Amino acid sequence: NDDGTFDVPGWGPIVFHPGSTGNILDHVELRHAGHGTSQSGLVNISGAGTQVSIRNSLLREYMFGPGGIVAREGASVEVVSSIFAASAFQGTALRVETGAVLTAANNTIDGAIFGIDVSAATAVLTNNLITNYYVGVQADETAVVTLSHNNLFTSYSNGGAYQGLPDQTGLDGNVSADPLYF
């Protein structure tokens, strides 16, 4: 279902199962996945030892809930130099939970309800541009989140750049400045 309407079930996510290693998605475009299936997201990564690297890719038009990349149960995911473009202010671009580890660098995340959501997991976020969100980075009380040189900016009246962790603006190179998209 690539017609952009989300009115009929689409295809399921790309799934990486426990113990799967050496997985690389490079220069791919993923869209319209996870709708009408039992697993959400464009990419679903789970299980201790599972390792996935996503580079130089475009992930767009993902669905509600954890719609972009979902990593859980001890999985490790690296996302570098990729673009997340939600349609109609939907979904979560990157969600890590239950012991998963996310390393995200040099990405652009635009239009998500939650840019990055960390729950009982670890995230290292470096030099990312996160814009036009309801909440830029959300973390629960058990999350470990390290941020440096990120730009979180939105013109919406919303939940804020950071939820569940102190405002990082002005610390470790993190800013909030209009990127002046054209």
C-alpha atoms as a PDB file:
ATOM      1  CA  ASN A   1       0.000   0.000   0.000  1.00  0.00           C
ATOM      2  CA  ASP A   2       2.039   2.940  -1.199  1.00  0.00           C
ATOM      3  CA  ASP A   3      -0.817   5.240  -2.143  1.00  0.00           C
ATOM      4  CA  GLY A   4      -0.334   7.398   0.956  1.00  0.00           C
ATOM      5  CA  THR A   5      -3.893   6.974   2.225  1.00  0.00           C
ATOM      6  CA  PHE A   6      -3.327   4.399   5.008  1.00  0.00           C
ATOM      7  CA  ASP A   7      -6.899   3.234   4.355  1.00  0.00           C
ATOM      8  CA  VAL A   8      -6.136  -0.450   3.852  1.00  0.00           C
ATOM      9  CA  PRO A   9      -3.679  -2.758   5.616  1.00  0.00           C
ATOM     10  CA  GLY A  10      -0.130  -2.254   4.416  1.00  0.00           C
ATOM     11  CA  TRP A  11       2.840  -4.542   4.636  1.00  0.00           C
ATOM     12  CA  GLY A  12       4.432  -5.479   7.923  1.00  0.00           C
ATOM     13  CA  PRO A  13       7.703  -4.048   9.169  1.00  0.00           C
ATOM     14  CA  ILE A  14      11.145  -5.352   8.375  1.00  0.00           C
ATOM     15  CA  VAL A  15      11.781  -7.597  11.384  1.00  0.00           C
ATOM     16  CA  PHE A  16      15.153  -8.528  12.864  1.00  0.00           C
ATOM     17  CA  HIS A  17      14.865 -11.475  15.234  1.00  0.00           C
ATOM     18  CA  PRO A  18      16.894 -12.221  18.397  1.00  0.00           C
ATOM     19  CA  GLY A  19      20.556 -12.984  17.771  1.00  0.00           C
ATOM     20  CA  SER A  20      20.617 -11.605  14.228  1.00  0.00           C
ATOM     21  CA  THR A  21      23.912  -9.708  13.750  1.00  0.00           C
ATOM     22  CA  GLY A  22      25.744  -7.795  11.040  1.00  0.00           C
ATOM     23  CA  ASN A  23      22.518  -6.356   9.595  1.00  0.00           C
ATOM     24  CA  ILE A  24      22.959  -3.194   7.526  1.00  0.00           C
ATOM     25  CA  LEU A  25      20.321  -1.161   5.728  1.00  0.00           C
ATOM     26  CA  ASP A  26      22.160   1.420   3.635  1.00  0.00           C
ATOM     27  CA  HIS A  27      20.609   3.833   1.125  1.00  0.00           C
ATOM     28  CA  VAL A  28      17.084   2.449   1.461  1.00  0.00           C
ATOM     29  CA  GLU A  29      13.680   4.122   1.444  1.00  0.00           C
ATOM     30  CA  LEU A  30      11.071   2.648   3.774  1.00  0.00           C
ATOM     31  CA  ARG A  31       7.466   3.817   3.968  1.00  0.00           C
ATOM     32  CA  HIS A  32       3.893   2.787   4.792  1.00  0.00           C
ATOM     33  CA  ALA A  33       4.738  -0.269   6.905  1.00  0.00           C
ATOM     34  CA  GLY A  34       3.237  -1.759  10.026  1.00  0.00           C
ATOM     35  CA  HIS A  35      -0.331  -0.657   9.417  1.00  0.00           C
ATOM     36  CA  GLY A  36      -2.857  -3.403   9.991  1.00  0.00           C
ATOM     37  CA  THR A  37      -0.237  -5.869  11.229  1.00  0.00           C
ATOM     38  CA  SER A  38       0.557  -7.256  14.677  1.00  0.00           C
ATOM     39  CA  GLN A  39       3.948  -5.517  14.707  1.00  0.00           C
ATOM     40  CA  SER A  40       4.322  -1.795  14.424  1.00  0.00           C
ATOM     41  CA  GLY A  41       6.955   0.318  12.788  1.00  0.00           C
ATOM     42  CA  LEU A  42       8.899   0.349   9.576  1.00  0.00           C
ATOM     43  CA  VAL A  43      11.707  -1.598  11.251  1.00  0.00           C
ATOM     44  CA  ASN A  44      11.211  -3.814  14.308  1.00  0.00           C
ATOM     45  CA  ILE A  45      14.343  -5.038  16.121  1.00  0.00           C
ATOM     46  CA  SER A  46      14.218  -7.274  19.184  1.00  0.00           C
ATOM     47  CA  GLY A  47      16.283  -9.610  21.294  1.00  0.00           C
ATOM     48  CA  ALA A  48      19.617  -9.600  23.067  1.00  0.00           C
ATOM     49  CA  GLY A  49      22.511  -9.699  20.631  1.00  0.00           C
ATOM     50  CA  THR A  50      20.471  -8.398  17.699  1.00  0.00           C
ATOM     51  CA  GLN A  51      22.458  -5.712  15.888  1.00  0.00           C
ATOM     52  CA  VAL A  52      21.204  -3.454  13.111  1.00  0.00           C
ATOM     53  CA  SER A  53      22.778  -0.442  11.415  1.00  0.00           C
ATOM     54  CA  ILE A  54      20.649   1.918   9.336  1.00  0.00           C
ATOM     55  CA  ARG A  55      22.584   4.470   7.304  1.00  0.00           C
ATOM     56  CA  ASN A  56      21.926   7.084   4.652  1.00  0.00           C
ATOM     57  CA  SER A  57      18.270   6.126   4.445  1.00  0.00           C
ATOM     58  CA  LEU A  58      14.833   7.718   4.174  1.00  0.00           C
ATOM     59  CA  LEU A  59      12.074   6.537   6.498  1.00  0.00           C
ATOM     60  CA  ARG A  60       8.769   8.248   5.919  1.00  0.00           C
ATOM     61  CA  GLU A  61       5.019   8.099   6.224  1.00  0.00           C
ATOM     62  CA  TYR A  62       5.111   5.747   9.178  1.00  0.00           C
ATOM     63  CA  MET A  63       2.028   5.068  11.219  1.00  0.00           C
ATOM     64  CA  PHE A  64       0.765   5.937  14.683  1.00  0.00           C
ATOM     65  CA  GLY A  65       2.491   4.649  17.808  1.00  0.00           C
ATOM     66  CA  PRO A  66       6.076   3.518  17.451  1.00  0.00           C
ATOM     67  CA  GLY A  67       6.069   4.067  13.736  1.00  0.00           C
ATOM     68  CA  GLY A  68       9.656   4.456  12.513  1.00  0.00           C
ATOM     69  CA  ILE A  69      12.209   2.186  14.166  1.00  0.00           C
ATOM     70  CA  VAL A  70      11.373   0.138  17.253  1.00  0.00           C
ATOM     71  CA  ALA A  71      14.200  -1.576  19.188  1.00  0.00           C
ATOM     72  CA  ARG A  72      13.544  -3.635  22.316  1.00  0.00           C
ATOM     73  CA  GLU A  73      14.622  -6.481  24.571  1.00  0.00           C
ATOM     74  CA  GLY A  74      18.360  -5.820  24.500  1.00  0.00           C
ATOM     75  CA  ALA A  75      18.731  -5.100  20.773  1.00  0.00           C
ATOM     76  CA  SER A  76      21.376  -2.680  19.542  1.00  0.00           C
ATOM     77  CA  VAL A  77      20.629  -0.226  16.731  1.00  0.00           C
ATOM     78  CA  GLU A  78      22.790   2.405  15.083  1.00  0.00           C
ATOM     79  CA  VAL A  79      21.092   5.060  12.942  1.00  0.00           C
ATOM     80  CA  VAL A  80      23.377   7.399  11.005  1.00  0.00           C
ATOM     81  CA  SER A  81      22.792  10.122   8.417  1.00  0.00           C
ATOM     82  CA  SER A  82      19.166   9.202   7.812  1.00  0.00           C
ATOM     83  CA  ILE A  83      15.955  11.186   7.388  1.00  0.00           C
ATOM     84  CA  PHE A  84      12.683  10.481   9.202  1.00  0.00           C
ATOM     85  CA  ALA A  85       9.749  12.328   7.662  1.00  0.00           C
ATOM     86  CA  ALA A  86       6.400  11.656   9.299  1.00  0.00           C
ATOM     87  CA  SER A  87       3.235  12.500   7.493  1.00  0.00           C
ATOM     88  CA  ALA A  88       0.533  14.522   9.193  1.00  0.00           C
ATOM     89  CA  PHE A  89       2.320  14.740  12.576  1.00  0.00           C
ATOM     90  CA  GLN A  90       2.204  10.996  13.271  1.00  0.00           C
ATOM     91  CA  GLY A  91       4.113   8.284  15.075  1.00  0.00           C
ATOM     92  CA  THR A  92       7.408   8.085  16.880  1.00  0.00           C
ATOM     93  CA  ALA A  93      10.517   8.194  14.708  1.00  0.00           C
ATOM     94  CA  LEU A  94      12.797   6.175  17.033  1.00  0.00           C
ATOM     95  CA  ARG A  95      11.620   4.148  20.013  1.00  0.00           C
ATOM     96  CA  VAL A  96      13.974   2.127  22.221  1.00  0.00           C
ATOM     97  CA  GLU A  97      12.748   0.107  25.172  1.00  0.00           C
ATOM     98  CA  THR A  98      13.491  -2.715  27.616  1.00  0.00           C
ATOM     99  CA  GLY A  99      17.272  -2.832  27.555  1.00  0.00           C
ATOM    100  CA  ALA A 100      17.826  -1.802  23.941  1.00  0.00           C
ATOM    101  CA  VAL A 101      20.668   0.547  22.984  1.00  0.00           C
ATOM    102  CA  LEU A 102      20.336   3.280  20.344  1.00  0.00           C
ATOM    103  CA  THR A 103      23.202   5.243  18.862  1.00  0.00           C
ATOM    104  CA  ALA A 104      21.875   7.999  16.595  1.00  0.00           C
ATOM    105  CA  ALA A 105      24.088  10.532  14.819  1.00  0.00           C
ATOM    106  CA  ASN A 106      23.644  13.080  12.047  1.00  0.00           C
ATOM    107  CA  ASN A 107      19.954  12.350  11.444  1.00  0.00           C
ATOM    108  CA  THR A 108      17.029  14.611  10.576  1.00  0.00           C
ATOM    109  CA  ILE A 109      13.717  13.779  12.255  1.00  0.00           C
ATOM    110  CA  ASP A 110      10.768  15.925  11.198  1.00  0.00           C
ATOM    111  CA  GLY A 111       7.060  15.906  11.956  1.00  0.00           C
ATOM    112  CA  ALA A 112       6.770  13.090  14.485  1.00  0.00           C
ATOM    113  CA  ILE A 113       4.605  13.167  17.584  1.00  0.00           C
ATOM    114  CA  PHE A 114       7.699  11.958  19.479  1.00  0.00           C
ATOM    115  CA  GLY A 115      11.081  12.341  17.824  1.00  0.00           C
ATOM    116  CA  ILE A 116      12.887   9.854  20.076  1.00  0.00           C
ATOM    117  CA  ASP A 117      11.243   7.888  22.888  1.00  0.00           C
ATOM    118  CA  VAL A 118      13.431   5.984  25.380  1.00  0.00           C
ATOM    119  CA  SER A 119      11.881   3.627  27.933  1.00  0.00           C
ATOM    120  CA  ALA A 120      14.047   1.414  30.193  1.00  0.00           C
ATOM    121  CA  ALA A 121      16.779   1.651  27.547  1.00  0.00           C
ATOM    122  CA  THR A 122      19.892   3.625  26.557  1.00  0.00           C
ATOM    123  CA  ALA A 123      20.254   6.272  23.835  1.00  0.00           C
ATOM    124  CA  VAL A 124      23.311   8.213  22.706  1.00  0.00           C
ATOM    125  CA  LEU A 125      22.183  11.091  20.492  1.00  0.00           C
ATOM    126  CA  THR A 126      24.761  13.183  18.637  1.00  0.00           C
ATOM    127  CA  ASN A 127      24.334  15.942  16.064  1.00  0.00           C
ATOM    128  CA  ASN A 128      20.691  15.230  15.215  1.00  0.00           C
ATOM    129  CA  LEU A 129      18.148  17.735  13.911  1.00  0.00           C
ATOM    130  CA  ILE A 130      14.730  17.058  15.470  1.00  0.00           C
ATOM    131  CA  THR A 131      11.979  19.402  14.296  1.00  0.00           C
ATOM    132  CA  ASN A 132       8.206  19.948  14.233  1.00  0.00           C
ATOM    133  CA  TYR A 133       7.312  17.493  16.981  1.00  0.00           C
ATOM    134  CA  TYR A 134       4.991  17.291  19.956  1.00  0.00           C
ATOM    135  CA  VAL A 135       7.905  16.123  22.159  1.00  0.00           C
ATOM    136  CA  GLY A 136      11.437  16.014  20.767  1.00  0.00           C
ATOM    137  CA  VAL A 137      13.071  13.534  23.172  1.00  0.00           C
ATOM    138  CA  GLN A 138      11.051  11.652  25.751  1.00  0.00           C
ATOM    139  CA  ALA A 139      12.564   9.415  28.433  1.00  0.00           C
ATOM    140  CA  ASP A 140      11.160   7.501  31.366  1.00  0.00           C
ATOM    141  CA  GLU A 141      12.782   7.430  34.814  1.00  0.00           C
ATOM    142  CA  THR A 142      14.861   4.323  34.002  1.00  0.00           C
ATOM    143  CA  ALA A 143      16.227   5.564  30.673  1.00  0.00           C
ATOM    144  CA  VAL A 144      19.838   6.599  30.172  1.00  0.00           C
ATOM    145  CA  VAL A 145      20.062   9.339  27.553  1.00  0.00           C
ATOM    146  CA  THR A 146      23.205  11.178  26.474  1.00  0.00           C
ATOM    147  CA  LEU A 147      22.785  14.159  24.159  1.00  0.00           C
ATOM    148  CA  SER A 148      25.409  16.307  22.453  1.00  0.00           C
ATOM    149  CA  HIS A 149      25.248  18.815  19.609  1.00  0.00           C
ATOM    150  CA  ASN A 150      21.580  18.250  18.763  1.00  0.00           C
ATOM    151  CA  ASN A 151      19.110  20.867  17.533  1.00  0.00           C
ATOM    152  CA  LEU A 152      15.528  20.444  18.781  1.00  0.00           C
ATOM    153  CA  PHE A 153      13.181  23.020  17.305  1.00  0.00           C
ATOM    154  CA  THR A 154       9.457  23.299  16.700  1.00  0.00           C
ATOM    155  CA  SER A 155       7.073  26.122  15.986  1.00  0.00           C
ATOM    156  CA  TYR A 156       4.142  24.162  17.465  1.00  0.00           C
ATOM    157  CA  SER A 157       2.727  24.809  20.910  1.00  0.00           C
ATOM    158  CA  ASN A 158       3.411  21.394  22.329  1.00  0.00           C
ATOM    159  CA  GLY A 159       4.766  19.162  25.078  1.00  0.00           C
ATOM    160  CA  GLY A 160       8.272  20.579  24.729  1.00  0.00           C
ATOM    161  CA  ALA A 161      11.686  19.645  23.475  1.00  0.00           C
ATOM    162  CA  TYR A 162      12.399  17.310  26.390  1.00  0.00           C
ATOM    163  CA  GLN A 163      10.022  15.266  28.504  1.00  0.00           C
ATOM    164  CA  GLY A 164      11.167  13.153  31.436  1.00  0.00           C
ATOM    165  CA  LEU A 165      14.678  14.607  31.418  1.00  0.00           C
ATOM    166  CA  PRO A 166      16.090  18.073  32.081  1.00  0.00           C
ATOM    167  CA  ASP A 167      16.121  20.600  29.263  1.00  0.00           C
ATOM    168  CA  GLN A 168      19.432  20.094  27.450  1.00  0.00           C
ATOM    169  CA  THR A 169      19.330  23.357  25.494  1.00  0.00           C
ATOM    170  CA  GLY A 170      22.632  25.165  26.006  1.00  0.00           C
ATOM    171  CA  LEU A 171      24.387  22.077  27.402  1.00  0.00           C
ATOM    172  CA  ASP A 172      27.010  20.011  25.532  1.00  0.00           C
ATOM    173  CA  GLY A 173      26.371  21.887  22.282  1.00  0.00           C
ATOM    174  CA  ASN A 174      22.614  21.225  22.226  1.00  0.00           C
ATOM    175  CA  VAL A 175      20.592  24.118  20.795  1.00  0.00           C
ATOM    176  CA  SER A 176      17.099  25.115  19.777  1.00  0.00           C
ATOM    177  CA  ALA A 177      17.316  27.097  16.549  1.00  0.00           C
ATOM    178  CA  ASP A 178      15.104  27.311  13.479  1.00  0.00           C
ATOM    179  CA  PRO A 179      16.845  25.267  10.745  1.00  0.00           C
ATOM    180  CA  LEU A 180      15.149  27.481   8.110  1.00  0.00           C
ATOM    181  CA  TYR A 181      13.915  24.643   5.906  1.00  0.00           C
ATOM    182  CA  PHE A 182      12.929  25.844   2.464  1.00  0.00           C
END
